Protein backbone atom coordinates (compact mmCIF):
# COMPACT_ATOMS: atom_id res chain seq x y z
CA MET A 1 89.85 11.87 26.19
CA LYS A 2 88.09 14.64 24.29
CA LYS A 3 90.14 17.19 26.21
CA LEU A 4 93.38 15.66 25.01
CA ILE A 5 92.19 15.67 21.41
CA LEU A 6 91.25 19.32 21.66
CA ALA A 7 94.60 20.26 23.12
CA LEU A 8 96.45 18.55 20.32
CA PHE A 9 94.31 20.20 17.68
CA ILE A 10 95.09 23.57 19.13
CA ILE A 11 98.78 22.88 19.06
CA GLY A 12 98.55 22.02 15.39
CA ILE A 13 96.89 25.27 14.61
CA SER A 14 99.36 27.36 16.52
CA LEU A 15 102.27 26.47 14.29
CA SER A 16 102.67 28.02 10.90
CA GLY A 17 103.63 26.74 7.50
CA TYR A 18 107.07 26.89 5.94
CA ALA A 19 106.36 29.13 2.93
CA GLY A 20 106.15 32.39 4.82
CA ILE A 21 106.55 31.37 8.43
CA LYS A 22 109.86 30.85 10.16
CA PRO A 23 110.46 29.00 13.43
CA LYS A 24 110.93 32.34 15.24
CA ASP A 25 107.37 33.30 14.18
CA VAL A 26 105.99 30.20 15.89
CA VAL A 27 107.99 30.43 19.12
CA GLY A 28 105.81 31.55 22.01
CA LYS A 29 102.42 30.71 23.48
CA TRP A 30 99.29 30.11 21.43
CA LYS A 31 95.74 29.86 22.79
CA TYR A 32 93.70 27.14 21.11
CA GLN A 33 90.11 25.95 20.93
CA VAL A 34 88.95 22.58 19.61
CA ASP A 35 85.28 22.00 18.76
CA THR A 36 84.47 18.40 19.65
CA GLY A 37 80.86 18.63 18.54
CA GLY A 38 79.25 21.11 20.90
CA GLU A 39 81.90 20.92 23.59
CA TYR A 40 85.09 22.99 23.44
CA MET A 41 88.55 22.07 24.61
CA THR A 42 90.88 24.97 25.32
CA GLY A 43 94.40 25.61 26.53
CA LEU A 44 97.84 26.74 25.42
CA MET A 45 100.43 25.41 23.05
CA LYS A 46 103.94 26.49 23.95
CA PHE A 47 106.74 26.46 21.37
CA THR A 48 110.46 26.98 21.72
CA GLU A 49 113.44 26.48 19.43
CA LYS A 50 116.05 23.94 20.52
CA ASP A 51 119.14 23.19 18.43
CA GLY A 52 117.51 24.84 15.41
CA GLN A 53 114.32 22.75 15.69
CA LEU A 54 110.86 23.68 16.92
CA VAL A 55 109.69 21.79 20.00
CA GLY A 56 106.59 22.28 22.06
CA GLU A 57 103.97 21.08 24.44
CA VAL A 58 100.25 21.33 25.04
CA VAL A 59 98.88 22.59 28.33
CA SER A 60 95.11 22.10 28.52
CA ASP A 61 92.91 24.26 30.71
CA ASP A 62 92.12 21.03 32.59
CA GLY A 63 95.74 20.68 33.66
CA TYR A 64 96.99 18.07 31.21
CA THR A 65 100.49 18.67 29.81
CA PHE A 66 102.06 16.58 27.06
CA PRO A 67 104.86 17.19 24.54
CA PHE A 68 104.63 17.25 20.79
CA THR A 69 106.46 14.33 19.25
CA LYS A 70 106.66 16.07 15.87
CA VAL A 71 106.58 19.74 14.86
CA GLU A 72 107.03 20.54 11.16
CA ILE A 73 106.60 23.72 9.18
CA LYS A 74 105.19 22.78 5.78
CA GLU A 75 104.57 24.68 2.54
CA GLU A 76 102.05 27.51 2.26
CA ASN A 77 102.11 28.46 5.98
CA ASN A 78 100.96 25.02 7.17
CA LEU A 79 102.07 23.58 10.46
CA TYR A 80 101.92 19.85 11.18
CA LEU A 81 102.00 18.54 14.75
CA GLU A 82 101.82 15.16 16.41
CA ALA A 83 101.46 14.21 20.05
CA LYS A 84 100.92 10.95 21.86
CA THR A 85 99.32 10.25 25.19
CA ASP A 86 98.73 6.96 26.98
CA TYR A 87 95.37 6.73 25.23
CA ASN A 88 95.61 8.47 21.88
CA HIS A 89 97.76 9.70 19.00
CA TYR A 90 96.94 13.20 17.76
CA LYS A 91 97.74 14.63 14.34
CA ILE A 92 97.15 18.33 13.75
CA ASP A 93 97.37 20.25 10.49
CA VAL A 94 96.75 24.00 10.60
CA LYS A 95 97.30 27.03 8.42
CA VAL A 96 98.91 30.03 10.10
CA ASP A 97 97.76 33.50 9.08
CA GLY A 98 99.69 36.15 11.00
CA ASN A 99 98.94 35.63 14.68
CA LYS A 100 96.01 33.23 14.10
CA PHE A 101 95.65 29.64 12.94
CA SER A 102 92.91 27.23 11.93
CA GLY A 103 92.75 23.69 10.71
CA THR A 104 91.90 20.14 11.67
CA GLY A 105 93.05 17.67 14.24
CA SER A 106 92.51 13.95 14.24
CA SER A 107 92.82 11.08 16.67
CA TYR A 108 91.46 7.60 17.17
CA GLU A 109 88.15 9.28 18.06
CA GLY A 110 87.82 11.15 14.75
CA GLU A 111 88.45 14.65 13.38
CA ALA A 112 87.66 18.07 14.82
CA PRO A 113 88.22 21.70 13.78
CA ILE A 114 90.79 23.70 15.71
CA LYS A 115 91.57 27.40 15.83
CA GLY A 116 93.69 29.73 17.90
CA GLU A 117 95.81 32.82 18.21
CA LYS A 118 99.21 33.84 19.50
CA VAL A 119 99.39 35.30 22.99
CA LYS A 120 101.17 38.66 23.18
CA GLU A 121 104.01 38.57 25.67
């Protein structure tokens, strides 16, 4: 369960806000790390653009893959993400600064800090 929360938090961080960030700046792969209180969840968030909208998925290092149900670029370079699994509903709000992001993710289990960076391709 903690692994899923971490993955969602990372996804939230990888997306950037609307003020200076455009969907094309978010498209790609982003490494993430969620601190669940001494344990770290890691993986990739993958974003693509489909019909003018950002879509994405989380791929945890433990092999879990689940799609984002909501991806929104907000004001001041903030990215808001949501994802649902069979057991939880994740909400992630991160600020994008160039090729890095940081913020907070929340789920039924509580809140946790998340950070990450874009993978060069």
